Amino acid sequence: MSPAPYRVHRLIQDLNRDPRLVVTFESEPEAVFEQYAITDAERLLLREGTPRALMELGVHPNLQMKFLRIRRAAGVVGPSPLASYLRDLEHGE
Protein backbone atom coordinates (compact mmCIF):
# COMPACT_ATOMS: atom_id res chain seq x y z
CA MET A 1 0.00 0.00 0.00
CA SER A 2 1.50 3.28 -1.03
CA PRO A 3 0.39 6.59 0.42
CA ALA A 4 -2.26 8.43 -1.52
CA PRO A 5 -1.09 11.35 -3.58
CA TYR A 6 -1.22 14.69 -1.81
CA ARG A 7 -4.00 15.92 -4.10
CA VAL A 8 -6.33 13.13 -2.85
CA HIS A 9 -5.57 14.01 0.76
CA ARG A 10 -6.10 17.71 -0.02
CA LEU A 11 -9.48 16.95 -1.63
CA ILE A 12 -10.68 15.03 1.42
CA GLN A 13 -9.39 17.69 3.82
CA ASP A 14 -11.12 20.43 1.83
CA LEU A 15 -14.36 18.42 1.72
CA ASN A 16 -14.16 18.13 5.48
CA ARG A 17 -13.70 21.89 5.88
CA ASP A 18 -16.07 23.34 3.27
CA PRO A 19 -19.74 22.25 3.14
CA ARG A 20 -20.18 24.10 -0.17
CA LEU A 21 -17.51 21.89 -1.71
CA VAL A 22 -19.42 18.82 -0.46
CA VAL A 23 -22.55 20.04 -2.24
CA THR A 24 -20.56 20.65 -5.42
CA PHE A 25 -18.86 17.26 -5.08
CA GLU A 26 -22.22 15.50 -4.81
CA SER A 27 -23.80 17.37 -7.73
CA GLU A 28 -20.77 17.72 -10.03
CA PRO A 29 -17.98 15.38 -8.91
CA GLU A 30 -16.16 15.61 -12.25
CA ALA A 31 -15.62 19.35 -11.82
CA VAL A 32 -14.14 18.78 -8.37
CA PHE A 33 -11.96 15.92 -9.65
CA GLU A 34 -10.66 18.20 -12.40
CA GLN A 35 -9.95 20.98 -9.93
CA TYR A 36 -7.80 18.63 -7.83
CA ALA A 37 -6.22 16.83 -10.83
CA ILE A 38 -7.54 13.44 -9.69
CA THR A 39 -6.61 10.64 -12.11
CA ASP A 40 -9.13 8.22 -13.62
CA ALA A 41 -7.97 5.37 -11.37
CA GLU A 42 -8.28 7.58 -8.29
CA ARG A 43 -11.73 8.74 -9.43
CA LEU A 44 -12.98 5.17 -9.62
CA LEU A 45 -11.79 4.42 -6.10
CA LEU A 46 -13.17 7.67 -4.68
CA ARG A 47 -16.54 7.08 -6.37
CA GLU A 48 -16.64 3.61 -4.86
CA GLY A 49 -15.92 5.23 -1.50
CA THR A 50 -15.63 1.99 0.45
CA PRO A 51 -13.04 1.52 3.19
CA ARG A 52 -11.30 -1.08 1.02
CA ALA A 53 -11.13 1.31 -1.97
CA LEU A 54 -9.73 4.07 0.22
CA MET A 55 -7.14 1.68 1.66
CA GLU A 56 -6.18 0.61 -1.86
CA LEU A 57 -5.78 4.26 -2.75
CA GLY A 58 -3.51 4.74 0.27
CA VAL A 59 -5.63 7.29 2.09
CA HIS A 60 -4.57 7.87 5.68
CA PRO A 61 -6.96 6.15 8.16
CA ASN A 62 -8.07 9.46 9.73
CA LEU A 63 -8.94 10.83 6.31
CA GLN A 64 -10.73 7.59 5.44
CA MET A 65 -13.06 8.13 8.40
CA LYS A 66 -13.65 11.75 7.42
CA PHE A 67 -14.40 10.85 3.80
CA LEU A 68 -16.80 8.08 4.81
CA ARG A 69 -18.56 10.46 7.22
CA ILE A 70 -18.91 13.06 4.46
CA ARG A 71 -20.34 10.48 2.06
CA ARG A 72 -22.89 9.31 4.62
CA ALA A 73 -23.94 12.88 5.43
CA ALA A 74 -24.08 13.99 1.80
CA GLY A 75 -27.61 12.70 1.45
CA VAL A 76 -28.65 15.10 4.19
CA VAL A 77 -26.99 18.14 2.61
CA GLY A 78 -29.43 20.34 0.78
CA PRO A 79 -32.76 21.93 1.53
CA SER A 80 -34.79 20.51 4.36
CA PRO A 81 -38.16 18.90 3.57
CA LEU A 82 -39.87 21.94 5.11
CA ALA A 83 -37.89 24.32 2.88
CA SER A 84 -38.78 22.22 -0.18
CA TYR A 85 -42.44 22.18 0.81
CA LEU A 86 -42.55 25.96 1.33
CA ARG A 87 -40.79 26.53 -2.00
CA ASP A 88 -43.36 24.32 -3.74
CA LEU A 89 -46.19 26.28 -2.09
CA GLU A 90 -44.74 29.55 -3.36
CA HIS A 91 -44.61 28.18 -6.90
CA GLY A 92 -48.15 26.79 -6.69
CA GLU A 93 -47.14 23.16 -7.08
PDB file of N, CA and C in Angstrom:
ATOM      1  N   MET A   1       0.844  -1.177   0.000  1.00  0.00           N
ATOM      2  CA  MET A   1       0.000   0.000   0.000  1.00  0.00           C
ATOM      3  C   MET A   1       0.889   1.240   0.000  1.00  0.00           C
ATOM      4  N   SER A   2       0.739   2.043  -0.984  1.00  0.00           N
ATOM      5  CA  SER A   2       1.500   3.283  -1.034  1.00  0.00           C
ATOM      6  C   SER A   2       0.610   4.427  -0.554  1.00  0.00           C
ATOM      7  N   PRO A   3       1.209   5.469  -0.026  1.00  0.00           N
ATOM      8  CA  PRO A   3       0.387   6.590   0.424  1.00  0.00           C
ATOM      9  C   PRO A   3      -0.328   7.248  -0.747  1.00  0.00           C
ATOM     10  N   ALA A   4      -1.504   7.745  -0.469  1.00  0.00           N
ATOM     11  CA  ALA A   4      -2.262   8.428  -1.519  1.00  0.00           C
ATOM     12  C   ALA A   4      -1.542   9.710  -1.909  1.00  0.00           C
ATOM     13  N   PRO A   5      -1.680  10.086  -3.154  1.00  0.00           N
ATOM     14  CA  PRO A   5      -1.085  11.350  -3.581  1.00  0.00           C
ATOM     15  C   PRO A   5      -1.636  12.514  -2.753  1.00  0.00           C
ATOM     16  N   TYR A   6      -0.839  13.529  -2.610  1.00  0.00           N
ATOM     17  CA  TYR A   6      -1.222  14.686  -1.807  1.00  0.00           C
ATOM     18  C   TYR A   6      -2.546  15.281  -2.279  1.00  0.00           C
ATOM     19  N   ARG A   7      -2.786  15.290  -3.588  1.00  0.00           N
ATOM     20  CA  ARG A   7      -4.001  15.916  -4.104  1.00  0.00           C
ATOM     21  C   ARG A   7      -5.254  15.193  -3.605  1.00  0.00           C
ATOM     22  N   VAL A   8      -5.179  13.873  -3.390  1.00  0.00           N
ATOM     23  CA  VAL A   8      -6.326  13.133  -2.851  1.00  0.00           C
ATOM     24  C   VAL A   8      -6.547  13.524  -1.395  1.00  0.00           C
ATOM     25  N   HIS A   9      -5.451  13.581  -0.633  1.00  0.00           N
ATOM     26  CA  HIS A   9      -5.569  14.007   0.761  1.00  0.00           C
ATOM     27  C   HIS A   9      -6.120  15.429   0.840  1.00  0.00           C
ATOM     28  N   ARG A  10      -5.647  16.325  -0.022  1.00  0.00           N
ATOM     29  CA  ARG A  10      -6.105  17.709  -0.017  1.00  0.00           C
ATOM     30  C   ARG A  10      -7.596  17.771  -0.326  1.00  0.00           C
ATOM     31  N   LEU A  11      -8.062  16.980  -1.290  1.00  0.00           N
ATOM     32  CA  LEU A  11      -9.479  16.949  -1.629  1.00  0.00           C
ATOM     33  C   LEU A  11     -10.307  16.560  -0.411  1.00  0.00           C
ATOM     34  N   ILE A  12      -9.912  15.494   0.263  1.00  0.00           N
ATOM     35  CA  ILE A  12     -10.679  15.027   1.420  1.00  0.00           C
ATOM     36  C   ILE A  12     -10.635  16.061   2.544  1.00  0.00           C
ATOM     37  N   GLN A  13      -9.484  16.659   2.777  1.00  0.00           N
ATOM     38  CA  GLN A  13      -9.386  17.690   3.818  1.00  0.00           C
ATOM     39  C   GLN A  13     -10.285  18.878   3.483  1.00  0.00           C
ATOM     40  N   ASP A  14     -10.283  19.296   2.232  1.00  0.00           N
ATOM     41  CA  ASP A  14     -11.121  20.433   1.829  1.00  0.00           C
ATOM     42  C   ASP A  14     -12.606  20.090   1.917  1.00  0.00           C
ATOM     43  N   LEU A  15     -12.971  18.854   1.567  1.00  0.00           N
ATOM     44  CA  LEU A  15     -14.359  18.422   1.720  1.00  0.00           C
ATOM     45  C   LEU A  15     -14.776  18.476   3.185  1.00  0.00           C
ATOM     46  N   ASN A  16     -13.862  18.118   4.054  1.00  0.00           N
ATOM     47  CA  ASN A  16     -14.156  18.127   5.479  1.00  0.00           C
ATOM     48  C   ASN A  16     -14.338  19.550   6.015  1.00  0.00           C
ATOM     49  N   ARG A  17     -13.675  20.509   5.403  1.00  0.00           N
ATOM     50  CA  ARG A  17     -13.702  21.895   5.885  1.00  0.00           C
ATOM     51  C   ARG A  17     -14.782  22.758   5.246  1.00  0.00           C
ATOM     52  N   ASP A  18     -15.204  22.431   4.035  1.00  0.00           N
ATOM     53  CA  ASP A  18     -16.071  23.335   3.274  1.00  0.00           C
ATOM     54  C   ASP A  18     -17.360  22.636   2.836  1.00  0.00           C
ATOM     55  N   PRO A  19     -18.480  22.899   3.517  1.00  0.00           N
ATOM     56  CA  PRO A  19     -19.739  22.245   3.144  1.00  0.00           C
ATOM     57  C   PRO A  19     -20.183  22.569   1.713  1.00  0.00           C
ATOM     58  N   ARG A  20     -19.821  23.755   1.210  1.00  0.00           N
ATOM     59  CA  ARG A  20     -20.181  24.100  -0.169  1.00  0.00           C
ATOM     60  C   ARG A  20     -19.476  23.182  -1.163  1.00  0.00           C
ATOM     61  N   LEU A  21     -18.242  22.807  -0.842  1.00  0.00           N
ATOM     62  CA  LEU A  21     -17.515  21.885  -1.710  1.00  0.00           C
ATOM     63  C   LEU A  21     -18.173  20.509  -1.698  1.00  0.00           C
ATOM     64  N   VAL A  22     -18.710  20.112  -0.551  1.00  0.00           N
ATOM     65  CA  VAL A  22     -19.421  18.825  -0.456  1.00  0.00           C
ATOM     66  C   VAL A  22     -20.624  18.838  -1.386  1.00  0.00           C
ATOM     67  N   VAL A  23     -21.381  19.929  -1.376  1.00  0.00           N
ATOM     68  CA  VAL A  23     -22.551  20.044  -2.245  1.00  0.00           C
ATOM     69  C   VAL A  23     -22.123  19.974  -3.711  1.00  0.00           C
ATOM     70  N   THR A  24     -21.069  20.687  -4.054  1.00  0.00           N
ATOM     71  CA  THR A  24     -20.557  20.653  -5.425  1.00  0.00           C
ATOM     72  C   THR A  24     -20.075  19.259  -5.782  1.00  0.00           C
ATOM     73  N   PHE A  25     -19.379  18.607  -4.850  1.00  0.00           N
ATOM     74  CA  PHE A  25     -18.857  17.262  -5.078  1.00  0.00           C
ATOM     75  C   PHE A  25     -19.989  16.274  -5.343  1.00  0.00           C
ATOM     76  N   GLU A  26     -21.094  16.417  -4.611  1.00  0.00           N
ATOM     77  CA  GLU A  26     -22.221  15.503  -4.810  1.00  0.00           C
ATOM     78  C   GLU A  26     -22.960  15.772  -6.111  1.00  0.00           C
ATOM     79  N   SER A  27     -23.052  17.047  -6.509  1.00  0.00           N
ATOM     80  CA  SER A  27     -23.800  17.366  -7.726  1.00  0.00           C
ATOM     81  C   SER A  27     -22.943  17.308  -8.988  1.00  0.00           C
ATOM     82  N   GLU A  28     -21.666  17.699  -8.878  1.00  0.00           N
ATOM     83  CA  GLU A  28     -20.766  17.716 -10.034  1.00  0.00           C
ATOM     84  C   GLU A  28     -19.390  17.188  -9.645  1.00  0.00           C
ATOM     85  N   PRO A  29     -19.281  15.895  -9.363  1.00  0.00           N
ATOM     86  CA  PRO A  29     -17.985  15.376  -8.910  1.00  0.00           C
ATOM     87  C   PRO A  29     -16.866  15.548  -9.936  1.00  0.00           C
ATOM     88  N   GLU A  30     -17.204  15.483 -11.216  1.00  0.00           N
ATOM     89  CA  GLU A  30     -16.165  15.607 -12.247  1.00  0.00           C
ATOM     90  C   GLU A  30     -15.463  16.964 -12.183  1.00  0.00           C
ATOM     91  N   ALA A  31     -16.221  18.008 -11.917  1.00  0.00           N
ATOM     92  CA  ALA A  31     -15.622  19.345 -11.819  1.00  0.00           C
ATOM     93  C   ALA A  31     -14.647  19.410 -10.649  1.00  0.00           C
ATOM     94  N   VAL A  32     -15.024  18.791  -9.544  1.00  0.00           N
ATOM     95  CA  VAL A  32     -14.142  18.780  -8.371  1.00  0.00           C
ATOM     96  C   VAL A  32     -12.911  17.924  -8.658  1.00  0.00           C
ATOM     97  N   PHE A  33     -13.098  16.778  -9.298  1.00  0.00           N
ATOM     98  CA  PHE A  33     -11.959  15.925  -9.649  1.00  0.00           C
ATOM     99  C   PHE A  33     -10.984  16.671 -10.550  1.00  0.00           C
ATOM    100  N   GLU A  34     -11.518  17.415 -11.506  1.00  0.00           N
ATOM    101  CA  GLU A  34     -10.656  18.202 -12.401  1.00  0.00           C
ATOM    102  C   GLU A  34      -9.890  19.263 -11.630  1.00  0.00           C
ATOM    103  N   GLN A  35     -10.576  19.925 -10.723  1.00  0.00           N
ATOM    104  CA  GLN A  35      -9.953  20.982  -9.926  1.00  0.00           C
ATOM    105  C   GLN A  35      -8.760  20.457  -9.132  1.00  0.00           C
ATOM    106  N   TYR A  36      -8.863  19.219  -8.642  1.00  0.00           N
ATOM    107  CA  TYR A  36      -7.798  18.634  -7.828  1.00  0.00           C
ATOM    108  C   TYR A  36      -6.879  17.709  -8.626  1.00  0.00           C
ATOM    109  N   ALA A  37      -7.054  17.653  -9.936  1.00  0.00           N
ATOM    110  CA  ALA A  37      -6.223  16.832 -10.830  1.00  0.00           C
ATOM    111  C   ALA A  37      -6.209  15.364 -10.407  1.00  0.00           C
ATOM    112  N   ILE A  38      -7.392  14.835 -10.098  1.00  0.00           N
ATOM    113  CA  ILE A  38      -7.537  13.441  -9.695  1.00  0.00           C
ATOM    114  C   ILE A  38      -7.528  12.571 -10.953  1.00  0.00           C
ATOM    115  N   THR A  39      -6.713  11.525 -10.940  1.00  0.00           N
ATOM    116  CA  THR A  39      -6.605  10.643 -12.108  1.00  0.00           C
ATOM    117  C   THR A  39      -7.843   9.752 -12.234  1.00  0.00           C
ATOM    118  N   ASP A  40      -7.982   9.107 -13.390  1.00  0.00           N
ATOM    119  CA  ASP A  40      -9.130   8.222 -13.618  1.00  0.00           C
ATOM    120  C   ASP A  40      -9.168   7.075 -12.616  1.00  0.00           C
ATOM    121  N   ALA A  41      -8.021   6.473 -12.330  1.00  0.00           N
ATOM    122  CA  ALA A  41      -7.971   5.370 -11.370  1.00  0.00           C
ATOM    123  C   ALA A  41      -8.382   5.842  -9.975  1.00  0.00           C
ATOM    124  N   GLU A  42      -7.921   7.024  -9.602  1.00  0.00           N
ATOM    125  CA  GLU A  42      -8.283   7.584  -8.295  1.00  0.00           C
ATOM    126  C   GLU A  42      -9.768   7.926  -8.254  1.00  0.00           C
ATOM    127  N   ARG A  43     -10.302   8.403  -9.363  1.00  0.00           N
ATOM    128  CA  ARG A  43     -11.727   8.738  -9.430  1.00  0.00           C
ATOM    129  C   ARG A  43     -12.585   7.511  -9.181  1.00  0.00           C
ATOM    130  N   LEU A  44     -12.215   6.403  -9.804  1.00  0.00           N
ATOM    131  CA  LEU A  44     -12.982   5.175  -9.618  1.00  0.00           C
ATOM    132  C   LEU A  44     -13.009   4.762  -8.153  1.00  0.00           C
ATOM    133  N   LEU A  45     -11.864   4.815  -7.503  1.00  0.00           N
ATOM    134  CA  LEU A  45     -11.794   4.419  -6.101  1.00  0.00           C
ATOM    135  C   LEU A  45     -12.545   5.403  -5.203  1.00  0.00           C
ATOM    136  N   LEU A  46     -12.445   6.688  -5.491  1.00  0.00           N
ATOM    137  CA  LEU A  46     -13.171   7.672  -4.685  1.00  0.00           C
ATOM    138  C   LEU A  46     -14.678   7.555  -4.895  1.00  0.00           C
ATOM    139  N   ARG A  47     -15.102   7.269  -6.126  1.00  0.00           N
ATOM    140  CA  ARG A  47     -16.537   7.085  -6.373  1.00  0.00           C
ATOM    141  C   ARG A  47     -17.052   5.873  -5.621  1.00  0.00           C
ATOM    142  N   GLU A  48     -16.244   4.806  -5.601  1.00  0.00           N
ATOM    143  CA  GLU A  48     -16.644   3.611  -4.859  1.00  0.00           C
ATOM    144  C   GLU A  48     -16.796   3.968  -3.387  1.00  0.00           C
ATOM    145  N   GLY A  49     -15.815   4.679  -2.847  1.00  0.00           N
ATOM    146  CA  GLY A  49     -15.917   5.225  -1.502  1.00  0.00           C
ATOM    147  C   GLY A  49     -15.969   4.236  -0.367  1.00  0.00           C
ATOM    148  N   THR A  50     -15.624   2.982  -0.619  1.00  0.00           N
ATOM    149  CA  THR A  50     -15.633   1.993   0.455  1.00  0.00           C
ATOM    150  C   THR A  50     -14.313   2.057   1.217  1.00  0.00           C
ATOM    151  N   PRO A  51     -14.301   1.551   2.450  1.00  0.00           N
ATOM    152  CA  PRO A  51     -13.040   1.522   3.191  1.00  0.00           C
ATOM    153  C   PRO A  51     -11.933   0.780   2.426  1.00  0.00           C
ATOM    154  N   ARG A  52     -12.300  -0.310   1.778  1.00  0.00           N
ATOM    155  CA  ARG A  52     -11.303  -1.078   1.024  1.00  0.00           C
ATOM    156  C   ARG A  52     -10.738  -0.261  -0.135  1.00  0.00           C
ATOM    157  N   ALA A  53     -11.592   0.482  -0.846  1.00  0.00           N
ATOM    158  CA  ALA A  53     -11.130   1.311  -1.968  1.00  0.00           C
ATOM    159  C   ALA A  53     -10.209   2.414  -1.465  1.00  0.00           C
ATOM    160  N   LEU A  54     -10.565   3.013  -0.329  1.00  0.00           N
ATOM    161  CA  LEU A  54      -9.725   4.074   0.222  1.00  0.00           C
ATOM    162  C   LEU A  54      -8.388   3.524   0.699  1.00  0.00           C
ATOM    163  N   MET A  55      -8.400   2.308   1.258  1.00  0.00           N
ATOM    164  CA  MET A  55      -7.138   1.675   1.659  1.00  0.00           C
ATOM    165  C   MET A  55      -6.282   1.384   0.438  1.00  0.00           C
ATOM    166  N   GLU A  56      -6.911   0.893  -0.619  1.00  0.00           N
ATOM    167  CA  GLU A  56      -6.178   0.605  -1.858  1.00  0.00           C
ATOM    168  C   GLU A  56      -5.562   1.880  -2.434  1.00  0.00           C
ATOM    169  N   LEU A  57      -6.270   2.978  -2.273  1.00  0.00           N
ATOM    170  CA  LEU A  57      -5.776   4.263  -2.755  1.00  0.00           C
ATOM    171  C   LEU A  57      -4.647   4.799  -1.879  1.00  0.00           C
ATOM    172  N   GLY A  58      -4.570   4.309  -0.636  1.00  0.00           N
ATOM    173  CA  GLY A  58      -3.510   4.738   0.272  1.00  0.00           C
ATOM    174  C   GLY A  58      -3.879   5.929   1.119  1.00  0.00           C
ATOM    175  N   VAL A  59      -5.171   6.155   1.289  1.00  0.00           N
ATOM    176  CA  VAL A  59      -5.635   7.288   2.087  1.00  0.00           C
ATOM    177  C   VAL A  59      -5.372   6.994   3.566  1.00  0.00           C
ATOM    178  N   HIS A  60      -4.864   7.991   4.255  1.00  0.00           N
ATOM    179  CA  HIS A  60      -4.572   7.869   5.681  1.00  0.00           C
ATOM    180  C   HIS A  60      -5.854   7.481   6.432  1.00  0.00           C
ATOM    181  N   PRO A  61      -5.765   6.607   7.448  1.00  0.00           N
ATOM    182  CA  PRO A  61      -6.963   6.151   8.162  1.00  0.00           C
ATOM    183  C   PRO A  61      -7.845   7.283   8.709  1.00  0.00           C
ATOM    184  N   ASN A  62      -7.250   8.345   9.229  1.00  0.00           N
ATOM    185  CA  ASN A  62      -8.069   9.459   9.732  1.00  0.00           C
ATOM    186  C   ASN A  62      -8.863  10.109   8.603  1.00  0.00           C
ATOM    187  N   LEU A  63      -8.237  10.238   7.449  1.00  0.00           N
ATOM    188  CA  LEU A  63      -8.942  10.832   6.309  1.00  0.00           C
ATOM    189  C   LEU A  63      -9.976   9.874   5.743  1.00  0.00           C
ATOM    190  N   GLN A  64      -9.728   8.568   5.862  1.00  0.00           N
ATOM    191  CA  GLN A  64     -10.733   7.591   5.443  1.00  0.00           C
ATOM    192  C   GLN A  64     -12.017   7.805   6.232  1.00  0.00           C
ATOM    193  N   MET A  65     -11.884   7.931   7.552  1.00  0.00           N
ATOM    194  CA  MET A  65     -13.062   8.133   8.401  1.00  0.00           C
ATOM    195  C   MET A  65     -13.787   9.420   8.032  1.00  0.00           C
ATOM    196  N   LYS A  66     -13.030  10.472   7.785  1.00  0.00           N
ATOM    197  CA  LYS A  66     -13.646  11.751   7.423  1.00  0.00           C
ATOM    198  C   LYS A  66     -14.389  11.641   6.098  1.00  0.00           C
ATOM    199  N   PHE A  67     -13.762  10.991   5.107  1.00  0.00           N
ATOM    200  CA  PHE A  67     -14.396  10.853   3.800  1.00  0.00           C
ATOM    201  C   PHE A  67     -15.669  10.019   3.898  1.00  0.00           C
ATOM    202  N   LEU A  68     -15.624   8.929   4.654  1.00  0.00           N
ATOM    203  CA  LEU A  68     -16.800   8.081   4.811  1.00  0.00           C
ATOM    204  C   LEU A  68     -17.924   8.836   5.524  1.00  0.00           C
ATOM    205  N   ARG A  69     -17.572   9.647   6.504  1.00  0.00           N
ATOM    206  CA  ARG A  69     -18.565  10.455   7.216  1.00  0.00           C
ATOM    207  C   ARG A  69     -19.203  11.467   6.267  1.00  0.00           C
ATOM    208  N   ILE A  70     -18.393  12.087   5.427  1.00  0.00           N
ATOM    209  CA  ILE A  70     -18.907  13.058   4.460  1.00  0.00           C
ATOM    210  C   ILE A  70     -19.865  12.378   3.487  1.00  0.00           C
ATOM    211  N   ARG A  71     -19.495  11.205   3.012  1.00  0.00           N
ATOM    212  CA  ARG A  71     -20.344  10.483   2.056  1.00  0.00           C
ATOM    213  C   ARG A  71     -21.675  10.089   2.685  1.00  0.00           C
ATOM    214  N   ARG A  72     -21.637   9.672   3.951  1.00  0.00           N
ATOM    215  CA  ARG A  72     -22.889   9.306   4.625  1.00  0.00           C
ATOM    216  C   ARG A  72     -23.777  10.534   4.808  1.00  0.00           C
ATOM    217  N   ALA A  73     -23.180  11.661   5.162  1.00  0.00           N
ATOM    218  CA  ALA A  73     -23.943  12.877   5.432  1.00  0.00           C
ATOM    219  C   ALA A  73     -24.389  13.587   4.164  1.00  0.00           C
ATOM    220  N   ALA A  74     -23.787  13.267   3.042  1.00  0.00           N
ATOM    221  CA  ALA A  74     -24.076  13.993   1.804  1.00  0.00           C
ATOM    222  C   ALA A  74     -25.540  13.899   1.409  1.00  0.00           C
ATOM    223  N   GLY A  75     -26.186  12.809   1.750  1.00  0.00           N
ATOM    224  CA  GLY A  75     -27.606  12.696   1.445  1.00  0.00           C
ATOM    225  C   GLY A  75     -28.451  13.683   2.226  1.00  0.00           C
ATOM    226  N   VAL A  76     -27.929  14.162   3.340  1.00  0.00           N
ATOM    227  CA  VAL A  76     -28.649  15.099   4.189  1.00  0.00           C
ATOM    228  C   VAL A  76     -28.430  16.535   3.728  1.00  0.00           C
ATOM    229  N   VAL A  77     -27.307  16.778   3.051  1.00  0.00           N
ATOM    230  CA  VAL A  77     -26.995  18.136   2.605  1.00  0.00           C
ATOM    231  C   VAL A  77     -28.029  18.580   1.588  1.00  0.00           C
ATOM    232  N   GLY A  78     -28.440  19.805   1.708  1.00  0.00           N
ATOM    233  CA  GLY A  78     -29.428  20.340   0.783  1.00  0.00           C
ATOM    234  C   GLY A  78     -30.601  20.893   1.554  1.00  0.00           C
ATOM    235  N   PRO A  79     -31.630  21.328   0.842  1.00  0.00           N
ATOM    236  CA  PRO A  79     -32.763  21.935   1.526  1.00  0.00           C
ATOM    237  C   PRO A  79     -33.505  20.915   2.373  1.00  0.00           C
ATOM    238  N   SER A  80     -34.017  21.380   3.482  1.00  0.00           N
ATOM    239  CA  SER A  80     -34.785  20.505   4.360  1.00  0.00           C
ATOM    240  C   SER A  80     -36.127  20.215   3.701  1.00  0.00           C
ATOM    241  N   PRO A  81     -36.828  19.172   4.137  1.00  0.00           N
ATOM    242  CA  PRO A  81     -38.157  18.898   3.572  1.00  0.00           C
ATOM    243  C   PRO A  81     -39.112  20.078   3.747  1.00  0.00           C
ATOM    244  N   LEU A  82     -39.010  20.778   4.885  1.00  0.00           N
ATOM    245  CA  LEU A  82     -39.871  21.941   5.109  1.00  0.00           C
ATOM    246  C   LEU A  82     -39.564  23.040   4.093  1.00  0.00           C
ATOM    247  N   ALA A  83     -38.277  23.300   3.854  1.00  0.00           N
ATOM    248  CA  ALA A  83     -37.894  24.321   2.880  1.00  0.00           C
ATOM    249  C   ALA A  83     -38.397  23.943   1.491  1.00  0.00           C
ATOM    250  N   SER A  84     -38.284  22.682   1.128  1.00  0.00           N
ATOM    251  CA  SER A  84     -38.779  22.225  -0.177  1.00  0.00           C
ATOM    252  C   SER A  84     -40.291  22.398  -0.277  1.00  0.00           C
ATOM    253  N   TYR A  85     -40.986  22.058   0.791  1.00  0.00           N
ATOM    254  CA  TYR A  85     -42.442  22.185   0.813  1.00  0.00           C
ATOM    255  C   TYR A  85     -42.862  23.650   0.663  1.00  0.00           C
ATOM    256  N   LEU A  86     -42.204  24.538   1.415  1.00  0.00           N
ATOM    257  CA  LEU A  86     -42.549  25.959   1.334  1.00  0.00           C
ATOM    258  C   LEU A  86     -42.237  26.528  -0.048  1.00  0.00           C
ATOM    259  N   ARG A  87     -41.130  26.090  -0.654  1.00  0.00           N
ATOM    260  CA  ARG A  87     -40.786  26.533  -2.003  1.00  0.00           C
ATOM    261  C   ARG A  87     -41.865  26.081  -2.991  1.00  0.00           C
ATOM    262  N   ASP A  88     -42.319  24.830  -2.846  1.00  0.00           N
ATOM    263  CA  ASP A  88     -43.361  24.320  -3.736  1.00  0.00           C
ATOM    264  C   ASP A  88     -44.664  25.093  -3.576  1.00  0.00           C
ATOM    265  N   LEU A  89     -44.981  25.490  -2.329  1.00  0.00           N
ATOM    266  CA  LEU A  89     -46.194  26.276  -2.093  1.00  0.00           C
ATOM    267  C   LEU A  89     -46.104  27.623  -2.796  1.00  0.00           C
ATOM    268  N   GLU A  90     -44.936  28.245  -2.732  1.00  0.00           N
ATOM    269  CA  GLU A  90     -44.741  29.547  -3.363  1.00  0.00           C
ATOM    270  C   GLU A  90     -44.924  29.467  -4.880  1.00  0.00           C
ATOM    271  N   HIS A  91     -44.522  28.345  -5.442  1.00  0.00           N
ATOM    272  CA  HIS A  91     -44.608  28.180  -6.899  1.00  0.00           C
ATOM    273  C   HIS A  91     -45.951  27.562  -7.330  1.00  0.00           C
ATOM    274  N   GLY A  92     -46.826  27.320  -6.350  1.00  0.00           N
ATOM    275  CA  GLY A  92     -48.150  26.787  -6.690  1.00  0.00           C
ATOM    276  C   GLY A  92     -48.159  25.339  -7.103  1.00  0.00           C
ATOM    277  N   GLU A  93     -47.198  24.583  -6.677  1.00  0.00           N
ATOM    278  CA  GLU A  93     -47.136  23.163  -7.082  1.00  0.00           C
ATOM    279  C   GLU A  93     -47.810  22.288  -6.074  1.00  0.00           C
TER     280      GLU A  93
END
